[in-house]
N, C-alpha and C. Protein backbone atom coordinates (compact mmCIF):
# COMPACT_ATOMS: atom_id res chain seq x y z
N MET A 1 33.95 -17.37 -38.92
CA MET A 1 33.31 -16.67 -38.66
C MET A 1 31.84 -17.35 -38.04
N GLU A 2 31.41 -18.38 -37.97
CA GLU A 2 30.21 -18.48 -37.40
C GLU A 2 30.79 -18.92 -35.51
N ILE A 3 31.59 -19.12 -34.86
CA ILE A 3 31.98 -19.18 -34.06
C ILE A 3 32.10 -17.68 -33.46
N GLN A 4 32.50 -16.74 -34.14
CA GLN A 4 32.54 -15.51 -33.64
C GLN A 4 31.10 -14.97 -33.60
N HIS A 5 30.12 -15.39 -34.70
CA HIS A 5 28.72 -14.76 -34.42
C HIS A 5 28.23 -15.81 -33.25
N LEU A 6 28.69 -16.88 -32.96
CA LEU A 6 27.63 -17.73 -31.81
C LEU A 6 28.13 -16.78 -30.48
N GLU A 7 29.46 -16.26 -30.42
CA GLU A 7 30.09 -15.68 -29.21
C GLU A 7 29.09 -13.96 -29.07
N GLU A 8 29.02 -13.29 -30.07
CA GLU A 8 28.28 -12.46 -30.12
C GLU A 8 26.88 -12.48 -29.31
N ARG A 9 26.23 -13.59 -30.36
CA ARG A 9 24.78 -13.89 -29.46
C ARG A 9 24.98 -14.38 -28.20
N VAL A 10 25.85 -14.86 -27.77
CA VAL A 10 25.85 -15.36 -26.35
C VAL A 10 26.01 -14.02 -25.64
N GLU A 11 27.06 -13.08 -25.93
CA GLU A 11 27.39 -12.19 -25.21
C GLU A 11 26.16 -11.28 -25.36
N ASN A 12 25.20 -10.93 -26.11
CA ASN A 12 24.14 -10.08 -26.31
C ASN A 12 22.85 -10.56 -25.36
N LEU A 13 22.90 -12.21 -25.32
CA LEU A 13 21.92 -12.59 -24.19
C LEU A 13 22.66 -12.44 -22.73
N GLU A 14 23.66 -12.51 -23.02
CA GLU A 14 24.20 -12.09 -21.43
C GLU A 14 24.04 -10.94 -20.92
N MET A 15 24.11 -10.08 -21.56
CA MET A 15 23.83 -8.55 -21.62
C MET A 15 22.37 -8.44 -21.07
N LYS A 16 21.68 -8.83 -22.07
CA LYS A 16 19.92 -9.07 -21.96
C LYS A 16 19.69 -9.46 -20.22
N LEU A 17 20.14 -10.67 -19.85
CA LEU A 17 20.10 -11.24 -18.93
C LEU A 17 20.24 -10.57 -17.68
N SER A 18 21.37 -9.80 -17.95
CA SER A 18 22.13 -8.79 -16.67
C SER A 18 21.07 -7.59 -16.56
N PHE A 19 20.65 -7.29 -17.57
CA PHE A 19 19.53 -6.16 -17.81
C PHE A 19 18.22 -6.50 -17.03
N GLN A 20 17.78 -7.75 -17.39
CA GLN A 20 16.81 -8.24 -16.78
C GLN A 20 16.46 -8.55 -15.18
N ASP A 21 17.96 -9.01 -14.95
CA ASP A 21 17.98 -9.08 -13.43
C ASP A 21 18.02 -8.09 -12.76
N ASP A 22 18.65 -7.03 -13.37
CA ASP A 22 18.64 -5.61 -12.55
C ASP A 22 17.20 -4.88 -12.73
N THR A 23 16.62 -5.37 -13.61
CA THR A 23 15.07 -4.82 -13.61
C THR A 23 14.22 -5.32 -12.63
N ILE A 24 14.49 -6.91 -12.47
CA ILE A 24 13.73 -7.54 -11.71
C ILE A 24 13.78 -7.00 -10.01
N GLU A 25 15.15 -6.95 -9.73
CA GLU A 25 15.57 -6.52 -8.54
C GLU A 25 15.00 -5.02 -8.19
N GLN A 26 14.72 -4.16 -9.37
CA GLN A 26 14.05 -2.81 -8.97
C GLN A 26 12.86 -2.91 -8.60
N LEU A 27 12.03 -3.81 -9.60
CA LEU A 27 10.66 -3.77 -9.31
C LEU A 27 10.48 -4.55 -7.87
N ASN A 28 11.24 -5.53 -7.47
CA ASN A 28 11.06 -6.39 -6.25
C ASN A 28 11.24 -5.20 -5.35
N ASP A 29 12.20 -4.17 -5.22
CA ASP A 29 12.37 -3.33 -4.26
C ASP A 29 11.01 -2.27 -4.23
N ALA A 30 10.67 -2.14 -5.28
CA ALA A 30 9.33 -1.12 -5.53
C ALA A 30 8.34 -1.81 -4.89
N ILE A 31 7.88 -3.28 -4.98
CA ILE A 31 6.79 -3.99 -4.26
C ILE A 31 6.67 -4.14 -2.99
N ILE A 32 8.11 -3.98 -2.45
CA ILE A 32 8.37 -4.50 -0.97
C ILE A 32 8.08 -2.97 -0.62
N ASP A 33 8.49 -1.76 -1.01
CA ASP A 33 8.36 -0.36 -0.73
C ASP A 33 6.71 -0.06 -0.64
N GLN A 34 5.78 -0.62 -1.43
CA GLN A 34 4.89 -0.28 -1.79
C GLN A 34 3.93 -1.08 -0.69
N GLN A 35 3.82 -2.28 -0.24
CA GLN A 35 3.88 -3.15 0.71
C GLN A 35 3.86 -2.35 1.61
N LYS A 36 5.35 -2.06 2.06
CA LYS A 36 5.26 -1.22 3.64
C LYS A 36 4.50 -0.36 3.39
N ARG A 37 4.54 0.59 2.49
CA ARG A 37 3.59 2.04 2.90
C ARG A 37 1.96 1.32 2.93
N LEU A 38 1.55 0.26 2.25
CA LEU A 38 0.16 -0.06 2.34
C LEU A 38 -0.03 -0.62 3.97
N GLU A 39 0.95 -1.47 4.44
CA GLU A 39 0.69 -1.88 5.88
C GLU A 39 0.73 -0.51 6.80
N ASP A 40 1.62 0.37 6.57
CA ASP A 40 1.42 1.78 7.42
C ASP A 40 0.08 2.18 7.36
N GLN A 41 -0.23 2.32 5.81
CA GLN A 41 -1.95 3.33 5.87
C GLN A 41 -2.82 2.35 6.63
N LYS A 42 -2.83 1.13 6.45
CA LYS A 42 -3.69 0.12 7.19
C LYS A 42 -3.80 0.55 8.57
N VAL A 43 -2.41 0.64 9.02
CA VAL A 43 -2.65 0.88 10.62
C VAL A 43 -3.22 2.26 11.20
N GLN A 44 -2.72 3.02 9.98
CA GLN A 44 -3.46 4.46 10.25
C GLN A 44 -4.65 4.30 10.48
N LEU A 45 -5.25 3.91 9.09
CA LEU A 45 -6.70 3.60 8.78
C LEU A 45 -7.61 3.26 10.41
N THR A 46 -7.04 1.96 10.67
CA THR A 46 -7.69 1.50 11.70
C THR A 46 -7.50 2.46 12.93
N PHE A 47 -6.53 3.14 13.08
CA PHE A 47 -6.55 4.03 14.60
C PHE A 47 -7.45 5.08 14.30
N LEU A 48 -7.67 5.72 12.86
CA LEU A 48 -8.73 6.88 12.80
C LEU A 48 -9.82 6.40 12.98
N ILE A 49 -10.35 4.90 12.41
CA ILE A 49 -11.54 4.34 12.68
C ILE A 49 -11.95 4.25 14.01
N SER A 50 -11.03 3.55 14.66
CA SER A 50 -11.33 3.66 16.27
C SER A 50 -11.48 4.99 16.98
N ARG A 51 -10.64 5.75 16.58
CA ARG A 51 -11.01 7.20 17.04
C ARG A 51 -11.95 7.79 16.93
N ILE A 52 -12.68 7.60 15.72
CA ILE A 52 -13.79 8.21 15.02
C ILE A 52 -15.09 7.56 15.87
N LYS A 53 -14.96 6.27 16.36
CA LYS A 53 -16.19 5.71 17.08
C LYS A 53 -15.70 5.95 18.25
N THR A 54 -14.67 6.27 18.77
CA THR A 54 -14.37 6.87 19.87
C THR A 54 -15.08 7.74 20.20
N MET A 55 -15.04 9.26 19.63
CA MET A 55 -15.76 10.23 19.05
C MET A 55 -17.10 9.93 19.31
N GLN A 56 -17.64 9.36 18.34
CA GLN A 56 -19.22 9.27 18.61
C GLN A 56 -19.79 8.78 19.74
N VAL A 57 -19.16 7.80 20.17
CA VAL A 57 -19.76 7.19 21.43
C VAL A 57 -19.17 7.91 22.67
N GLY A 58 -18.23 8.74 22.98
CA GLY A 58 -18.02 9.36 23.78
C GLY A 58 -18.31 10.94 23.58
N SER A 59 -19.39 11.24 22.92
CA SER A 59 -19.44 12.68 22.74
C SER A 59 -20.46 13.35 23.81
N GLY A 60 -20.98 12.28 24.48
CA GLY A 60 -22.03 12.93 25.22
C GLY A 60 -23.10 13.91 24.68
N LEU A 61 -23.28 13.58 23.20
CA LEU A 61 -24.82 13.95 22.78
C LEU A 61 -25.26 12.82 22.43
N ALA A 62 -26.47 13.40 22.45
CA ALA A 62 -27.56 12.21 22.31
C ALA A 62 -28.50 12.16 20.92
N SER A 63 -28.39 11.51 20.26
CA SER A 63 -29.13 11.40 18.86
C SER A 63 -30.43 11.98 19.23
N GLU A 64 -31.28 12.42 17.79
CA GLU A 64 -32.29 12.85 18.11
C GLU A 64 -33.58 12.05 18.54
N ALA A 65 -33.18 10.49 18.23
CA ALA A 65 -33.97 9.62 18.60
C ALA A 65 -34.10 9.61 19.87
N ASP A 66 -32.87 9.66 20.71
CA ASP A 66 -32.94 9.32 22.10
C ASP A 66 -33.04 10.79 23.13
N GLU A 67 -33.47 11.93 22.31
CA GLU A 67 -33.67 13.05 22.85
C GLU A 67 -35.28 13.04 23.63
N THR A 68 -35.22 13.45 24.67
CA THR A 68 -36.85 14.02 25.22
C THR A 68 -37.25 14.99 24.62
N PRO A 69 -38.61 14.96 24.67
CA PRO A 69 -39.08 16.06 23.88
C PRO A 69 -39.23 17.42 24.99
N PRO A 70 -39.13 18.32 24.74
CA PRO A 70 -38.98 19.49 25.78
C PRO A 70 -40.60 19.83 26.51
N PRO A 71 -40.42 20.06 27.46
CA PRO A 71 -41.59 20.20 28.14
C PRO A 71 -42.41 21.47 27.31
N HIS A 72 -44.16 20.87 27.40
CA HIS A 72 -44.58 21.80 26.86
C HIS A 72 -45.50 22.85 28.18
N TYR A 73 -45.47 24.02 27.61
CA TYR A 73 -45.90 24.91 28.96
C TYR A 73 -47.55 25.30 28.84
């Protein structure tokens, strides 16, 4: 009986280990996917920031402080 009990315990531990290995693999895949998405968003954000800066500089509109006052008649 003692050997059978030990075999059952070992079998249960092996099943738990297998389940944990599978869970760790799934979590690792999820982290890799999230990291890729984060990198893609970082590239997009950098592009948008540079695009906005270009639009502000190249808009051809002067700020109110740079505007010359209109002539008075």
